[in-house]
C-alpha atoms as a PDB file:
ATOM      1  CA  MET A   1       0.004  -0.017   0.013  1.00  0.00           C
ATOM      2  CA  ARG A   2       1.235   3.289  -0.788  1.00  0.00           C
ATOM      3  CA  TRP A   3       0.862   6.287   1.857  1.00  0.00           C
ATOM      4  CA  LEU A   4       0.113   9.052  -0.663  1.00  0.00           C
ATOM      5  CA  LEU A   5      -2.303  10.926   1.570  1.00  0.00           C
ATOM      6  CA  VAL A   6      -2.931  14.266  -0.726  1.00  0.00           C
ATOM      7  CA  ASP A   7      -5.036  13.945  -3.694  1.00  0.00           C
ATOM      8  CA  LYS A   8      -3.866  17.155  -5.257  1.00  0.00           C
ATOM      9  CA  ILE A   9      -1.911  20.546  -4.267  1.00  0.00           C
ATOM     10  CA  LEU A  10      -4.493  23.379  -4.934  1.00  0.00           C
ATOM     11  CA  GLU A  11      -2.219  26.295  -3.996  1.00  0.00           C
ATOM     12  CA  ILE A  12       1.571  26.576  -3.250  1.00  0.00           C
ATOM     13  CA  ASP A  13       3.871  29.604  -2.432  1.00  0.00           C
ATOM     14  CA  PRO A  14       7.040  27.666  -2.289  1.00  0.00           C
ATOM     15  CA  GLY A  15       8.799  27.937   1.184  1.00  0.00           C
ATOM     16  CA  LYS A  16       5.832  29.604   2.658  1.00  0.00           C
ATOM     17  CA  LYS A  17       2.514  27.871   2.397  1.00  0.00           C
ATOM     18  CA  ALA A  18       0.513  25.306   0.659  1.00  0.00           C
ATOM     19  CA  LEU A  19      -3.046  23.974   0.406  1.00  0.00           C
ATOM     20  CA  GLY A  20      -3.894  20.424  -0.395  1.00  0.00           C
ATOM     21  CA  VAL A  21      -7.077  18.338  -0.604  1.00  0.00           C
ATOM     22  CA  ARG A  22      -7.803  14.663  -0.017  1.00  0.00           C
ATOM     23  CA  CYS A  23     -11.439  13.041  -0.508  1.00  0.00           C
ATOM     24  CA  PHE A  24     -11.944  10.031   1.600  1.00  0.00           C
ATOM     25  CA  SER A  25     -14.341   7.243  -0.014  1.00  0.00           C
ATOM     26  CA  ARG A  26     -15.707   4.462   2.047  1.00  0.00           C
ATOM     27  CA  SER A  27     -13.392   1.916   0.446  1.00  0.00           C
ATOM     28  CA  GLU A  28     -10.089   3.295   2.123  1.00  0.00           C
ATOM     29  CA  LEU A  29      -8.706   0.135   3.785  1.00  0.00           C
ATOM     30  CA  PHE A  30      -8.005   1.703   7.200  1.00  0.00           C
ATOM     31  CA  PHE A  31     -11.828   2.333   7.572  1.00  0.00           C
ATOM     32  CA  MET A  32     -12.312  -1.420   8.001  1.00  0.00           C
ATOM     33  CA  ASP A  33     -10.849  -1.492  11.313  1.00  0.00           C
ATOM     34  CA  HIS A  34     -10.388   1.900  12.509  1.00  0.00           C
ATOM     35  CA  PHE A  35     -13.188   1.508  13.955  1.00  0.00           C
ATOM     36  CA  PRO A  36     -15.629  -1.302  13.287  1.00  0.00           C
ATOM     37  CA  GLY A  37     -19.252   0.588  13.014  1.00  0.00           C
ATOM     38  CA  TYR A  38     -17.454   3.912  13.384  1.00  0.00           C
ATOM     39  CA  PRO A  39     -15.201   4.428  10.679  1.00  0.00           C
ATOM     40  CA  ILE A  40     -12.750   7.564  10.895  1.00  0.00           C
ATOM     41  CA  VAL A  41      -9.594   8.805   9.693  1.00  0.00           C
ATOM     42  CA  PRO A  42      -6.606   7.452  12.054  1.00  0.00           C
ATOM     43  CA  GLY A  43      -4.769  10.847  13.701  1.00  0.00           C
ATOM     44  CA  VAL A  44      -1.555   9.609  12.620  1.00  0.00           C
ATOM     45  CA  LEU A  45      -2.666   9.694   8.907  1.00  0.00           C
ATOM     46  CA  GLN A  46      -4.171  13.244   9.554  1.00  0.00           C
ATOM     47  CA  ILE A  47      -0.382  14.302  10.667  1.00  0.00           C
ATOM     48  CA  GLU A  48       0.876  12.708   7.890  1.00  0.00           C
ATOM     49  CA  MET A  49      -1.249  14.556   5.530  1.00  0.00           C
ATOM     50  CA  ILE A  50      -0.131  17.823   7.019  1.00  0.00           C
ATOM     51  CA  ALA A  51       3.553  16.567   6.725  1.00  0.00           C
ATOM     52  CA  GLN A  52       3.006  15.646   3.114  1.00  0.00           C
ATOM     53  CA  VAL A  53       1.515  19.225   2.220  1.00  0.00           C
ATOM     54  CA  GLY A  54       4.314  20.942   4.107  1.00  0.00           C
ATOM     55  CA  GLY A  55       7.334  18.624   2.235  1.00  0.00           C
ATOM     56  CA  LYS A  56       5.554  19.698  -1.083  1.00  0.00           C
ATOM     57  CA  CYS A  57       6.026  23.255  -0.183  1.00  0.00           C
ATOM     58  CA  ILE A  58       9.553  22.744   1.194  1.00  0.00           C
ATOM     59  CA  MET A  59      10.504  20.966  -1.920  1.00  0.00           C
ATOM     60  CA  ALA A  60       9.316  23.656  -4.139  1.00  0.00           C
ATOM     61  CA  ALA A  61      11.580  26.078  -2.469  1.00  0.00           C
ATOM     62  CA  ASN A  62      14.454  23.725  -2.214  1.00  0.00           C
ATOM     63  CA  PRO A  63      14.385  21.387  -4.998  1.00  0.00           C
ATOM     64  CA  GLY A  64      17.613  19.644  -4.257  1.00  0.00           C
ATOM     65  CA  TYR A  65      16.569  18.582  -0.814  1.00  0.00           C
ATOM     66  CA  LEU A  66      14.281  15.947   0.464  1.00  0.00           C
ATOM     67  CA  PRO A  67      12.316  16.935   3.787  1.00  0.00           C
ATOM     68  CA  VAL A  68      12.286  13.973   6.043  1.00  0.00           C
ATOM     69  CA  LEU A  69       9.802  13.998   9.089  1.00  0.00           C
ATOM     70  CA  THR A  70      11.834  14.260  12.384  1.00  0.00           C
ATOM     71  CA  SER A  71       9.336  15.034  14.912  1.00  0.00           C
ATOM     72  CA  VAL A  72       5.736  16.026  15.705  1.00  0.00           C
ATOM     73  CA  LYS A  73       5.838  18.920  18.190  1.00  0.00           C
ATOM     74  CA  SER A  74       2.185  18.934  18.746  1.00  0.00           C
ATOM     75  CA  ALA A  75      -1.075  17.401  17.345  1.00  0.00           C
ATOM     76  CA  GLN A  76      -4.784  17.989  18.254  1.00  0.00           C
ATOM     77  CA  PHE A  77      -7.888  16.265  16.981  1.00  0.00           C
ATOM     78  CA  ARG A  78     -10.915  17.953  17.371  1.00  0.00           C
ATOM     79  CA  ARG A  79     -13.486  16.245  14.921  1.00  0.00           C
ATOM     80  CA  ALA A  80     -13.839  13.177  13.161  1.00  0.00           C
ATOM     81  CA  ILE A  81     -12.874  12.995   9.390  1.00  0.00           C
ATOM     82  CA  GLU A  82     -15.424  10.101   8.116  1.00  0.00           C
ATOM     83  CA  PRO A  83     -16.001   8.395   4.765  1.00  0.00           C
ATOM     84  CA  GLY A  84     -17.193  10.887   1.998  1.00  0.00           C
ATOM     85  CA  ASP A  85     -15.375  13.908   3.691  1.00  0.00           C
ATOM     86  CA  SER A  86     -13.406  16.253   1.696  1.00  0.00           C
ATOM     87  CA  ALA A  87     -10.275  17.506   3.510  1.00  0.00           C
ATOM     88  CA  LEU A  88      -8.500  20.849   3.090  1.00  0.00           C
ATOM     89  CA  ILE A  89      -5.146  20.392   4.266  1.00  0.00           C
ATOM     90  CA  HIS A  90      -3.168  23.865   5.093  1.00  0.00           C
ATOM     91  CA  ALA A  91       0.504  24.068   5.923  1.00  0.00           C
ATOM     92  CA  GLU A  92       2.492  27.067   6.805  1.00  0.00           C
ATOM     93  CA  VAL A  93       6.214  26.462   6.201  1.00  0.00           C
ATOM     94  CA  THR A  94       9.330  27.922   8.065  1.00  0.00           C
ATOM     95  CA  LEU A  95      12.740  27.443   6.395  1.00  0.00           C
ATOM     96  CA  ARG A  96      15.706  27.062   8.204  1.00  0.00           C
ATOM     97  CA  LYS A  97      19.569  26.200   6.872  1.00  0.00           C
ATOM     98  CA  SER A  98      19.227  22.468   8.067  1.00  0.00           C
ATOM     99  CA  TYR A  99      15.652  21.902   9.121  1.00  0.00           C
ATOM    100  CA  SER A 100      12.140  23.262   8.457  1.00  0.00           C
ATOM    101  CA  LEU A 101       8.989  23.507  10.312  1.00  0.00           C
ATOM    102  CA  ALA A 102       5.365  23.476   9.158  1.00  0.00           C
ATOM    103  CA  ASN A 103       2.251  24.609  11.026  1.00  0.00           C
ATOM    104  CA  GLY A 104      -0.779  22.739   9.537  1.00  0.00           C
ATOM    105  CA  TRP A 105      -4.243  22.365   9.964  1.00  0.00           C
ATOM    106  CA  ILE A 106      -7.062  20.310   8.275  1.00  0.00           C
ATOM    107  CA  GLU A 107     -10.670  21.454   7.550  1.00  0.00           C
ATOM    108  CA  VAL A 108     -13.931  19.846   6.911  1.00  0.00           C
ATOM    109  CA  ASP A 109     -17.068  21.650   5.688  1.00  0.00           C
ATOM    110  CA  GLY A 110     -15.038  24.858   6.786  1.00  0.00           C
ATOM    111  CA  LYS A 111     -14.363  23.662  10.346  1.00  0.00           C
ATOM    112  CA  LYS A 112     -11.030  22.804  11.496  1.00  0.00           C
ATOM    113  CA  VAL A 113     -11.071  19.256  12.726  1.00  0.00           C
ATOM    114  CA  SER A 114      -6.975  18.754  13.634  1.00  0.00           C
ATOM    115  CA  SER A 115      -3.781  20.554  13.699  1.00  0.00           C
ATOM    116  CA  ALA A 116      -0.093  19.587  14.194  1.00  0.00           C
ATOM    117  CA  GLU A 117       3.423  21.299  14.075  1.00  0.00           C
ATOM    118  CA  VAL A 118       5.950  19.106  12.462  1.00  0.00           C
ATOM    119  CA  MET A 119       9.900  19.314  11.910  1.00  0.00           C
ATOM    120  CA  TYR A 120      11.743  18.141   8.954  1.00  0.00           C
ATOM    121  CA  GLY A 121      15.448  17.580   8.471  1.00  0.00           C
ATOM    122  CA  LEU A 122      16.770  18.387   5.064  1.00  0.00           C
ATOM    123  CA  VAL A 123      18.671  15.593   3.356  1.00  0.00           C
ATOM    124  CA  PRO A 124      20.318  16.195  -0.142  1.00  0.00           C
ATOM    125  CA  ILE A 125      18.820  14.279  -2.962  1.00  0.00           C
ATOM    126  CA  PRO A 126      21.829  12.428  -4.625  1.00  0.00           C
ATOM    127  CA  GLU A 127      22.076  12.956  -8.322  1.00  0.00           C
ATOM    128  CA  THR A 128      20.790   9.797 -10.361  1.00  0.00           C
ATOM    129  CA  LYS A 129      23.687   7.863 -11.979  1.00  0.00           C
ATOM    130  CA  PRO A 130      22.902   5.600 -14.811  1.00  0.00           C
ATOM    131  CA  LYS A 131      22.667   1.896 -14.152  1.00  0.00           C
ATOM    132  CA  PHE A 132      25.710  -0.423 -14.677  1.00  0.00           C
ATOM    133  CA  GLY A 133      28.206   2.774 -15.087  1.00  0.00           C
ATOM    134  CA  LEU A 134      26.920   3.472 -18.596  1.00  0.00           C
ATOM    135  CA  GLU A 135      26.497   6.969 -19.502  1.00  0.00           C
ATOM    136  CA  TYR A 136      23.244   7.852 -21.393  1.00  0.00           C
ATOM    137  CA  GLY A 137      23.767   8.442 -25.227  1.00  0.00           C
ATOM    138  CA  THR A 138      27.236   6.583 -25.225  1.00  0.00           C
ATOM    139  CA  ILE A 139      25.917   3.204 -26.752  1.00  0.00           C
ATOM    140  CA  THR A 140      25.535   3.250 -30.532  1.00  0.00           C
ATOM    141  CA  GLY A 141      23.634   0.167 -30.719  1.00  0.00           C
ATOM    142  CA  GLU A 142      26.348  -1.685 -32.447  1.00  0.00           C
ATOM    143  CA  GLY A 143      26.853  -5.098 -31.081  1.00  0.00           C
ATOM    144  CA  ILE A 144      23.823  -5.265 -29.020  1.00  0.00           C
END
């Protein structure tokens, strides 16, 4: 299972703020067990939604770095997110030299349902190298 918890980035101001959206269908696997008879989005996934939107905002300002979640400074859950809900995910980012912060919140139907402050370490993204040590464009096709 892939944990991509943002359907679309609606707005982005690189390194400052971003807005994403996620629509939850009844068929989400976690609704089967969380909780039987009362399906809600787990809090840890709500934190991850905020972290993913904040991470996209950071990457837009620092394309050579991968923001890696290092801590959750605070999180609050006020209301449940249920099947059929469309969640707007807000993140306001503060960039530092070796780390970044995001303050985020999630809204459903105009009401704040959760919030979190998260911290990221910034890891340089290595340049990709061609497989098997071959440089692209150096093979002529002869002898293959």
